[in-house]
C-alpha atoms as a PDB file:
ATOM      1  CA  UNK A   1      30.418  -5.512  -9.283  1.00  0.00           C
ATOM      2  CA  UNK A   2      26.791  -7.021  -9.829  1.00  0.00           C
ATOM      3  CA  UNK A   3      28.381 -10.284  -8.029  1.00  0.00           C
ATOM      4  CA  UNK A   4      27.330  -8.267  -4.536  1.00  0.00           C
ATOM      5  CA  UNK A   5      25.017 -10.486  -2.483  1.00  0.00           C
ATOM      6  CA  UNK A   6      21.560 -10.065  -2.417  1.00  0.00           C
ATOM      7  CA  UNK A   7      21.192  -8.598   0.998  1.00  0.00           C
ATOM      8  CA  UNK A   8      23.572  -5.871   0.009  1.00  0.00           C
ATOM      9  CA  UNK A   9      21.444  -4.389  -2.756  1.00  0.00           C
ATOM     10  CA  UNK A  10      18.220  -4.880  -0.592  1.00  0.00           C
ATOM     11  CA  UNK A  11      20.083  -2.918   2.161  1.00  0.00           C
ATOM     12  CA  UNK A  12      21.377  -0.272  -0.129  1.00  0.00           C
ATOM     13  CA  UNK A  13      17.610   0.156  -1.827  1.00  0.00           C
ATOM     14  CA  UNK A  14      16.153   0.578   1.863  1.00  0.00           C
ATOM     15  CA  UNK A  15      18.855   2.958   3.163  1.00  0.00           C
ATOM     16  CA  UNK A  16      18.527   5.176   0.087  1.00  0.00           C
ATOM     17  CA  UNK A  17      14.850   6.015   0.752  1.00  0.00           C
ATOM     18  CA  UNK A  18      15.707   9.449   1.815  1.00  0.00           C
ATOM     19  CA  UNK A  19      17.802   9.743  -1.614  1.00  0.00           C
ATOM     20  CA  UNK A  20      14.566   8.922  -3.760  1.00  0.00           C
ATOM     21  CA  UNK A  21      12.331  11.382  -1.673  1.00  0.00           C
ATOM     22  CA  UNK A  22      14.760  14.185  -2.321  1.00  0.00           C
ATOM     23  CA  UNK A  23      15.396  13.183  -5.768  1.00  0.00           C
ATOM     24  CA  UNK A  24      11.447  12.965  -6.304  1.00  0.00           C
ATOM     25  CA  UNK A  25      11.210  16.302  -4.829  1.00  0.00           C
ATOM     26  CA  UNK A  26      13.928  17.613  -7.056  1.00  0.00           C
ATOM     27  CA  UNK A  27      12.359  16.308 -10.150  1.00  0.00           C
ATOM     28  CA  UNK A  28       8.695  16.276  -9.661  1.00  0.00           C
ATOM     29  CA  UNK A  29       8.227  19.184  -7.016  1.00  0.00           C
ATOM     30  CA  UNK A  30       5.660  17.407  -4.763  1.00  0.00           C
ATOM     31  CA  UNK A  31       3.760  14.174  -4.255  1.00  0.00           C
ATOM     32  CA  UNK A  32       0.991  15.627  -6.640  1.00  0.00           C
ATOM     33  CA  UNK A  33       3.479  16.060  -9.429  1.00  0.00           C
ATOM     34  CA  UNK A  34       4.865  12.473  -9.033  1.00  0.00           C
ATOM     35  CA  UNK A  35       1.507  11.077  -9.069  1.00  0.00           C
ATOM     36  CA  UNK A  36       0.670  13.051 -12.098  1.00  0.00           C
ATOM     37  CA  UNK A  37       3.870  11.831 -13.777  1.00  0.00           C
ATOM     38  CA  UNK A  38       3.193   8.069 -13.028  1.00  0.00           C
ATOM     39  CA  UNK A  39      -0.361   8.293 -14.432  1.00  0.00           C
ATOM     40  CA  UNK A  40       1.234   9.770 -17.761  1.00  0.00           C
ATOM     41  CA  UNK A  41       4.136   7.517 -17.585  1.00  0.00           C
ATOM     42  CA  UNK A  42       2.153   4.268 -17.337  1.00  0.00           C
ATOM     43  CA  UNK A  43      -0.607   5.704 -19.675  1.00  0.00           C
ATOM     44  CA  UNK A  44      -0.364   4.479 -23.603  1.00  0.00           C
ATOM     45  CA  UNK A  45       0.989   7.003 -25.840  1.00  0.00           C
ATOM     46  CA  UNK A  46      -2.028   6.436 -28.347  1.00  0.00           C
ATOM     47  CA  UNK A  47      -4.447   7.404 -25.192  1.00  0.00           C
ATOM     48  CA  UNK A  48      -2.391  10.399 -24.482  1.00  0.00           C
ATOM     49  CA  UNK A  49      -2.686  11.252 -28.130  1.00  0.00           C
ATOM     50  CA  UNK A  50      -6.421  10.820 -28.183  1.00  0.00           C
ATOM     51  CA  UNK A  51      -6.891  12.918 -24.967  1.00  0.00           C
ATOM     52  CA  UNK A  52      -4.583  15.808 -26.420  1.00  0.00           C
ATOM     53  CA  UNK A  53      -1.840  15.162 -23.778  1.00  0.00           C
ATOM     54  CA  UNK A  54       0.817  13.571 -25.929  1.00  0.00           C
ATOM     55  CA  UNK A  55       3.438  16.454 -24.975  1.00  0.00           C
ATOM     56  CA  UNK A  56       2.700  16.070 -21.233  1.00  0.00           C
ATOM     57  CA  UNK A  57       2.939  12.493 -21.316  1.00  0.00           C
ATOM     58  CA  UNK A  58       6.413  12.531 -23.189  1.00  0.00           C
ATOM     59  CA  UNK A  59       7.767  15.354 -20.557  1.00  0.00           C
ATOM     60  CA  UNK A  60       6.375  13.389 -17.789  1.00  0.00           C
ATOM     61  CA  UNK A  61       7.917  10.256 -19.216  1.00  0.00           C
ATOM     62  CA  UNK A  62      11.089  11.812 -19.341  1.00  0.00           C
ATOM     63  CA  UNK A  63      10.701  13.024 -15.800  1.00  0.00           C
ATOM     64  CA  UNK A  64      10.050   9.476 -14.466  1.00  0.00           C
ATOM     65  CA  UNK A  65      13.159   8.142 -16.456  1.00  0.00           C
ATOM     66  CA  UNK A  66      15.281  10.821 -15.074  1.00  0.00           C
ATOM     67  CA  UNK A  67      13.970   9.988 -11.563  1.00  0.00           C
ATOM     68  CA  UNK A  68      14.396   6.494 -11.958  1.00  0.00           C
ATOM     69  CA  UNK A  69      18.114   6.888 -13.412  1.00  0.00           C
ATOM     70  CA  UNK A  70      19.013   9.017 -10.320  1.00  0.00           C
ATOM     71  CA  UNK A  71      17.870   6.328  -8.032  1.00  0.00           C
ATOM     72  CA  UNK A  72      19.491   3.638  -9.708  1.00  0.00           C
ATOM     73  CA  UNK A  73      22.630   5.575  -9.979  1.00  0.00           C
ATOM     74  CA  UNK A  74      22.745   6.260  -6.182  1.00  0.00           C
ATOM     75  CA  UNK A  75      22.520   2.329  -5.234  1.00  0.00           C
ATOM     76  CA  UNK A  76      24.975   1.100  -7.870  1.00  0.00           C
ATOM     77  CA  UNK A  77      27.215   4.051  -7.101  1.00  0.00           C
ATOM     78  CA  UNK A  78      27.298   3.126  -3.628  1.00  0.00           C
ATOM     79  CA  UNK A  79      27.763  -0.422  -4.269  1.00  0.00           C
ATOM     80  CA  UNK A  80      30.885   0.367  -6.274  1.00  0.00           C
ATOM     81  CA  UNK A  81      32.253   2.603  -3.681  1.00  0.00           C
ATOM     82  CA  UNK A  82      31.614  -0.150  -1.130  1.00  0.00           C
ATOM     83  CA  UNK A  83      33.471  -2.583  -3.437  1.00  0.00           C
ATOM     84  CA  UNK A  84      36.375  -0.311  -3.498  1.00  0.00           C
ATOM     85  CA  UNK A  85      36.728   0.325   0.076  1.00  0.00           C
ATOM     86  CA  UNK A  86      36.041  -3.417   1.242  1.00  0.00           C
ATOM     87  CA  UNK A  87      37.017  -5.061  -1.935  1.00  0.00           C
END
């Protein structure tokens, strides 16, 4: 399955931009929610602990993980379906 040509992965990645936007609005609600989730996801846990944001950090980290899994599953699932159809 992962033996597909690079151009196919790139094409699926670009074509799925509306799926990413839809998944982002479902997971985060809006762009401000996404930016806050990204900020907390890349912020070290020790810094979140010092600032008193550790619970929010873990919650937003999980939301970011869920978002990435949904986006990756869309691309991988479509590549799998294409391999079944065009084998």
